[in-house]
Amino acid sequence: MLRVSNNLRNAAKSMLLCAAIAGCGGSDDDGKSSALPGEKLANLIQFSPMYSAFGGAQVYSLTPFVPTADPATKDSTPVMASTIKWVTEDKFVKQDQFGDIPGAIKLTTKATGTTKVQFTATTVAGKQINSEAQLTISKADDAEWAKGDARYSGGAPIDFRSMLSGATAMPAAGGGVCGLPFNIMASLPKDASCTNCHNTGGNAIAVEHTPTQTAGYSDDQLIAIFTQGQKPAGYQFNSIFLKMLPQPDCIYSMFHTWTIDEETKRGIVLKLRSIEPKKQAELDLAKLIQMGRDARAAAMGGAAGTPAP
């Protein structure tokens, strides 16, 4: 009996010592994050958090990336791209290379749920670091996607030349928009097709959508963007053109306030998440100016086609 008591006492002491030193491996954390080498830094992955979908016939991919060392970088801890190692859960995503953006990886979803996307790397100064972001993968439905695709690609067309021609007419006092002395949006249909602007047609405003742009927005945030023209506070515009305008938020909302029924909103979110990732293009400002000149010339009965500077 004494031997049993001593054994129990020694076991209890061992358990207390183990718990005091290292928790005996027991923790609310699964140990995955702590196993990564280097110092853990927050919010290095673009985007954090991030969002995608899974289900049905469509393929849903996204491309998280890490700002990497560049002569022009202002990052306080520039990462060497060649040292980046991504850590993901095979249950949720499949990894592939993605060369359009330095420091990026392409992830294709395999299941719904919430998972971590992590990486380890070495900075220019030789310091090992790691970081993580949460990825939420929502359930996709083919019928919803089809409704979104129909509106995205098959909505009303926009006559840009007529719209720009209308900008030459001075409205009545207070009739302008966003502080501008004209209203180019007066004739814009509220059920317009997204592909009027987001397409591969090569016009001035053919800025294609891509998960490299949209994966950082939740479903509700995306819906607010394409129905109300409202980006979350603190989010930046990718377009150089919009960054240069004095009132970019107002201008942006002019072009992104659409009338969409409730059933189609979710479908458009799925459509956006299903687009093949690529580096997002910029607005062609020179071509946009030329479009305006051509429209004005046509409105006044003159010849169009004078090259933009």
Protein backbone atom coordinates (compact mmCIF):
# COMPACT_ATOMS: atom_id res chain seq x y z
CA MET A 1 0.00 0.00 0.00
CA LEU A 2 2.86 2.35 0.84
CA ARG A 3 4.44 1.63 -2.52
CA VAL A 4 1.21 2.52 -4.32
CA SER A 5 0.93 5.76 -2.36
CA ASN A 6 4.49 6.72 -3.21
CA ASN A 7 3.89 5.97 -6.88
CA LEU A 8 0.77 8.11 -6.91
CA ARG A 9 2.60 10.89 -5.07
CA ASN A 10 5.50 10.78 -7.55
CA ALA A 11 3.12 10.74 -10.50
CA ALA A 12 1.29 13.76 -9.11
CA LYS A 13 4.59 15.62 -8.63
CA SER A 14 5.61 14.79 -12.20
CA MET A 15 2.30 16.03 -13.57
CA LEU A 16 2.54 19.30 -11.63
CA LEU A 17 6.15 19.85 -12.74
CA CYS A 18 5.31 19.11 -16.35
CA ALA A 19 2.31 21.46 -16.27
CA ALA A 20 4.39 24.23 -14.72
CA ILE A 21 7.17 23.94 -17.28
CA ALA A 22 5.42 23.27 -20.57
CA GLY A 23 1.85 22.21 -20.04
CA CYS A 24 2.70 18.56 -20.90
CA GLY A 25 1.67 19.27 -24.49
CA GLY A 26 -1.86 20.15 -23.41
CA SER A 27 -3.17 23.47 -24.74
CA ASP A 28 -6.21 25.12 -26.24
CA ASP A 29 -3.98 25.72 -29.29
CA ASP A 30 -3.40 22.76 -31.61
CA GLY A 31 0.34 23.48 -31.48
CA LYS A 32 0.53 24.22 -35.20
CA SER A 33 1.27 27.92 -34.84
CA SER A 34 3.88 27.49 -32.11
CA ALA A 35 5.68 24.87 -34.22
CA LEU A 36 6.44 27.41 -36.96
CA PRO A 37 9.98 28.79 -36.75
CA GLY A 38 10.70 32.46 -36.16
CA GLU A 39 8.85 35.38 -34.63
CA LYS A 40 5.10 35.50 -35.18
CA LEU A 41 3.97 38.77 -36.77
CA ALA A 42 0.37 39.85 -37.35
CA ASN A 43 -1.36 40.82 -40.58
CA LEU A 44 1.46 40.13 -43.03
CA ILE A 45 -0.68 37.99 -45.32
CA GLN A 46 -2.80 39.81 -47.87
CA PHE A 47 -5.62 39.38 -47.10
CA SER A 48 -6.24 38.77 -43.42
CA PRO A 49 -8.92 37.54 -43.03
CA MET A 50 -9.75 36.09 -46.44
CA TYR A 51 -12.83 34.48 -47.98
CA SER A 52 -13.78 31.98 -50.68
CA ALA A 53 -16.39 29.31 -51.44
CA PHE A 54 -16.71 25.64 -52.30
CA GLY A 55 -19.36 23.41 -53.82
CA GLY A 56 -21.08 22.58 -57.08
CA ALA A 57 -19.50 22.59 -60.52
CA GLN A 58 -17.46 25.78 -60.15
CA VAL A 59 -13.82 25.99 -59.06
CA TYR A 60 -13.03 28.56 -56.37
CA SER A 61 -9.46 29.79 -55.92
CA LEU A 62 -7.70 32.67 -54.19
CA THR A 63 -4.14 33.92 -54.03
CA PRO A 64 -2.84 35.05 -50.62
CA PHE A 65 0.51 36.81 -50.82
CA VAL A 66 3.17 38.39 -48.64
CA PRO A 67 4.77 41.79 -49.39
CA THR A 68 8.29 40.90 -50.50
CA ALA A 69 11.63 42.67 -50.68
CA ASP A 70 11.81 45.33 -53.38
CA PRO A 71 14.01 48.43 -53.78
CA ALA A 72 10.90 50.61 -53.47
CA THR A 73 9.27 48.78 -50.57
CA LYS A 74 8.35 50.63 -47.40
CA ASP A 75 7.74 47.42 -45.46
CA SER A 76 9.70 47.45 -42.20
CA THR A 77 10.31 43.71 -42.47
CA PRO A 78 10.74 42.97 -46.21
CA VAL A 79 10.52 39.24 -46.85
CA MET A 80 12.77 37.34 -49.25
CA ALA A 81 10.37 35.72 -51.73
CA SER A 82 12.58 32.65 -52.22
CA THR A 83 12.30 31.79 -48.50
CA ILE A 84 8.51 31.78 -48.23
CA LYS A 85 6.99 28.43 -47.27
CA TRP A 86 3.22 28.19 -47.09
CA VAL A 87 1.50 25.98 -44.52
CA THR A 88 -2.12 25.00 -45.18
CA GLU A 89 -4.55 22.25 -44.25
CA ASP A 90 -4.88 19.73 -47.07
CA LYS A 91 -8.48 19.04 -46.02
CA PHE A 92 -9.52 22.55 -47.04
CA VAL A 93 -7.25 23.73 -49.88
CA LYS A 94 -4.92 22.57 -52.62
CA GLN A 95 -1.71 24.55 -53.19
CA ASP A 96 -0.32 25.60 -56.58
CA GLN A 97 2.27 28.11 -57.71
CA PHE A 98 1.06 31.60 -58.73
CA GLY A 99 3.58 33.71 -60.59
CA ASP A 100 1.54 36.87 -61.28
CA ILE A 101 2.28 38.33 -57.84
CA PRO A 102 5.63 37.96 -56.00
CA GLY A 103 5.28 36.11 -52.72
CA ALA A 104 1.89 34.60 -53.64
CA ILE A 105 0.44 31.09 -53.63
CA LYS A 106 -2.71 29.84 -55.38
CA LEU A 107 -5.15 28.00 -53.13
CA THR A 108 -8.08 26.05 -54.60
CA THR A 109 -10.78 25.16 -52.10
CA LYS A 110 -11.68 21.53 -51.29
CA ALA A 111 -14.22 21.85 -48.46
CA THR A 112 -16.33 24.39 -46.56
CA GLY A 113 -15.32 25.62 -43.14
CA THR A 114 -12.77 27.84 -41.43
CA THR A 115 -9.04 27.16 -41.58
CA LYS A 116 -5.67 28.87 -41.14
CA VAL A 117 -3.30 29.90 -43.90
CA GLN A 118 0.24 30.30 -42.57
CA PHE A 119 3.72 30.96 -43.87
CA THR A 120 7.31 31.07 -42.70
CA ALA A 121 10.03 33.18 -44.29
CA THR A 122 13.29 35.03 -43.75
CA THR A 123 13.59 38.81 -43.98
CA VAL A 124 16.35 40.70 -45.79
CA ALA A 125 18.05 41.14 -42.41
CA GLY A 126 18.12 37.35 -41.93
CA LYS A 127 15.35 37.21 -39.33
CA GLN A 128 12.97 34.25 -39.36
CA ILE A 129 9.30 35.20 -39.13
CA ASN A 130 5.88 33.60 -39.52
CA SER A 131 2.32 34.81 -39.79
CA GLU A 132 -1.18 33.48 -40.33
CA ALA A 133 -4.59 34.50 -41.62
CA GLN A 134 -8.03 33.01 -41.26
CA LEU A 135 -9.74 31.67 -44.38
CA THR A 136 -13.51 31.23 -44.35
CA ILE A 137 -14.89 28.96 -47.08
CA SER A 138 -18.66 29.24 -47.51
CA LYS A 139 -20.99 26.78 -49.21
CA ALA A 140 -21.63 27.43 -52.90
CA ASP A 141 -24.72 26.49 -54.88
CA ASP A 142 -24.80 26.10 -58.67
CA ALA A 143 -28.30 27.59 -59.00
CA GLU A 144 -27.25 30.70 -57.09
CA TRP A 145 -24.05 30.97 -59.13
CA ALA A 146 -26.08 30.77 -62.36
CA LYS A 147 -28.28 33.68 -61.27
CA GLY A 148 -25.23 35.73 -60.41
CA ASP A 149 -23.52 34.88 -63.68
CA ALA A 150 -26.62 35.85 -65.67
CA ARG A 151 -26.71 39.30 -64.07
CA TYR A 152 -22.92 39.73 -64.10
CA SER A 153 -22.64 39.05 -67.83
CA GLY A 154 -26.16 39.56 -69.15
CA GLY A 155 -27.39 42.79 -67.59
CA ALA A 156 -28.20 45.96 -69.49
CA PRO A 157 -25.53 47.47 -71.76
CA ILE A 158 -24.06 50.93 -71.11
CA ASP A 159 -23.68 53.41 -73.96
CA PHE A 160 -20.49 55.10 -72.79
CA ARG A 161 -20.31 57.54 -75.68
CA SER A 162 -23.80 58.86 -74.97
CA MET A 163 -23.05 59.02 -71.27
CA LEU A 164 -19.84 60.98 -71.84
CA SER A 165 -21.55 63.23 -74.40
CA GLY A 166 -24.08 64.15 -71.74
CA ALA A 167 -21.26 65.37 -69.54
CA THR A 168 -20.78 68.35 -71.85
CA ALA A 169 -24.18 69.77 -70.92
CA MET A 170 -24.20 71.97 -67.83
CA PRO A 171 -27.02 70.97 -65.47
CA ALA A 172 -29.20 73.34 -63.52
CA ALA A 173 -27.80 74.72 -60.27
CA GLY A 174 -27.20 71.88 -57.84
CA GLY A 175 -27.70 69.28 -60.56
CA GLY A 176 -24.14 67.97 -60.57
CA VAL A 177 -22.87 64.93 -58.72
CA CYS A 178 -20.01 64.63 -56.25
CA GLY A 179 -19.19 68.30 -56.52
CA LEU A 180 -18.73 68.07 -60.29
CA PRO A 181 -20.49 70.57 -62.60
CA PHE A 182 -22.09 67.74 -64.59
CA ASN A 183 -23.85 64.43 -64.07
CA ILE A 184 -22.51 61.70 -66.34
CA MET A 185 -24.52 59.07 -64.47
CA ALA A 186 -28.00 60.37 -65.27
CA SER A 187 -28.51 57.85 -68.09
CA LEU A 188 -26.75 54.93 -66.40
CA PRO A 189 -29.07 51.89 -66.15
CA LYS A 190 -29.29 50.51 -62.61
CA ASP A 191 -29.50 46.94 -63.93
CA ALA A 192 -26.30 47.24 -65.94
CA SER A 193 -24.11 44.25 -66.68
CA CYS A 194 -20.87 44.13 -64.67
CA THR A 195 -19.02 43.19 -67.86
CA ASN A 196 -19.68 46.64 -69.31
CA CYS A 197 -16.55 47.62 -67.39
CA HIS A 198 -15.11 44.39 -65.97
CA ASN A 199 -14.21 42.54 -69.15
CA THR A 200 -11.39 41.59 -71.51
CA GLY A 201 -12.55 43.84 -74.31
CA GLY A 202 -9.61 46.22 -74.10
CA ASN A 203 -11.58 49.43 -73.58
CA ALA A 204 -10.41 52.09 -71.14
CA ILE A 205 -12.28 50.72 -68.17
CA ALA A 206 -11.78 46.98 -68.74
CA VAL A 207 -10.56 46.28 -65.20
CA GLU A 208 -11.29 42.61 -64.73
CA HIS A 209 -12.44 41.28 -61.40
CA THR A 210 -10.18 38.73 -59.74
CA PRO A 211 -9.89 37.07 -56.32
CA THR A 212 -6.54 38.87 -55.97
CA GLN A 213 -8.79 41.91 -55.47
CA THR A 214 -11.97 40.51 -53.90
CA ALA A 215 -10.82 37.69 -51.57
CA GLY A 216 -10.25 40.17 -48.75
CA TYR A 217 -13.95 41.07 -48.56
CA SER A 218 -16.63 39.07 -46.76
CA ASP A 219 -19.86 38.20 -48.58
CA ASP A 220 -21.71 41.09 -46.91
CA GLN A 221 -18.90 43.52 -47.74
CA LEU A 222 -18.95 42.52 -51.40
CA ILE A 223 -22.72 42.99 -51.54
CA ALA A 224 -22.36 46.47 -50.01
CA ILE A 225 -19.75 47.31 -52.65
CA PHE A 226 -21.77 46.32 -55.71
CA THR A 227 -25.17 47.51 -54.47
CA GLN A 228 -24.23 50.68 -52.55
CA GLY A 229 -20.71 51.54 -53.72
CA GLN A 230 -19.48 51.32 -50.12
CA LYS A 231 -16.06 49.88 -49.35
CA PRO A 232 -15.21 49.13 -45.69
CA ALA A 233 -13.46 51.93 -43.82
CA GLY A 234 -9.73 51.94 -44.39
CA TYR A 235 -9.76 49.96 -47.64
CA GLN A 236 -7.81 51.49 -50.50
CA PHE A 237 -8.71 51.78 -54.17
CA ASN A 238 -6.50 49.73 -56.49
CA SER A 239 -7.04 52.10 -59.39
CA ILE A 240 -4.50 54.88 -59.85
CA PHE A 241 -7.25 56.90 -61.54
CA LEU A 242 -9.55 56.76 -58.50
CA LYS A 243 -6.69 57.52 -56.11
CA MET A 244 -6.02 60.78 -57.96
CA LEU A 245 -9.59 62.07 -57.74
CA PRO A 246 -10.37 64.55 -54.94
CA GLN A 247 -13.49 62.62 -53.90
CA PRO A 248 -12.82 58.97 -54.81
CA ASP A 249 -15.42 57.51 -52.45
CA CYS A 250 -18.17 59.56 -54.05
CA ILE A 251 -16.99 58.83 -57.58
CA TYR A 252 -16.70 55.13 -56.79
CA SER A 253 -20.23 54.95 -55.41
CA MET A 254 -21.52 56.58 -58.60
CA PHE A 255 -20.29 53.61 -60.62
CA HIS A 256 -21.16 50.85 -58.13
CA THR A 257 -24.73 51.44 -57.01
CA TRP A 258 -26.88 48.84 -58.70
CA THR A 259 -30.39 47.48 -58.27
CA ILE A 260 -30.14 43.72 -57.60
CA ASP A 261 -32.73 41.36 -56.13
CA GLU A 262 -31.87 39.44 -52.97
CA GLU A 263 -31.56 36.05 -54.65
CA THR A 264 -29.04 37.34 -57.17
CA LYS A 265 -26.79 39.13 -54.67
CA ARG A 266 -25.44 35.87 -53.28
CA GLY A 267 -25.01 34.57 -56.82
CA ILE A 268 -22.86 37.52 -57.80
CA VAL A 269 -20.67 36.91 -54.74
CA LEU A 270 -20.17 33.32 -55.92
CA LYS A 271 -19.47 34.53 -59.46
CA LEU A 272 -16.77 36.87 -58.16
CA ARG A 273 -15.21 34.10 -56.07
CA SER A 274 -15.17 31.69 -59.03
CA ILE A 275 -13.21 33.94 -61.41
CA GLU A 276 -9.75 32.62 -62.23
CA PRO A 277 -7.17 34.62 -60.22
CA LYS A 278 -4.89 37.00 -62.07
CA LYS A 279 -3.14 40.27 -61.34
CA GLN A 280 -5.68 43.06 -61.57
CA ALA A 281 -5.29 45.53 -64.42
CA GLU A 282 -5.45 49.31 -64.07
CA LEU A 283 -7.69 51.83 -65.75
CA ASP A 284 -6.24 53.19 -69.00
CA LEU A 285 -6.55 56.90 -68.19
CA ALA A 286 -5.30 58.08 -71.59
CA LYS A 287 -7.85 55.93 -73.39
CA LEU A 288 -10.60 57.12 -71.06
CA ILE A 289 -9.74 60.74 -71.88
CA GLN A 290 -9.81 59.86 -75.58
CA MET A 291 -13.24 58.32 -75.19
CA GLY A 292 -14.47 61.58 -73.68
CA ARG A 293 -12.95 63.63 -76.49
CA ASP A 294 -14.49 61.39 -79.13
CA ALA A 295 -17.87 61.64 -77.42
CA ARG A 296 -17.73 65.43 -77.26
CA ALA A 297 -16.64 65.65 -80.89
CA ALA A 298 -19.48 63.41 -81.98
CA ALA A 299 -21.97 65.44 -79.96
CA MET A 300 -20.82 68.64 -81.68
CA GLY A 301 -20.76 67.06 -85.12
CA GLY A 302 -16.97 67.04 -85.39
CA ALA A 303 -14.49 64.31 -86.19
CA ALA A 304 -13.42 61.88 -83.52
CA GLY A 305 -10.11 60.17 -83.09
CA THR A 306 -7.68 62.92 -82.07
CA PRO A 307 -4.94 61.14 -80.09
CA ALA A 308 -4.83 61.76 -76.39
CA PRO A 309 -1.58 63.20 -75.01
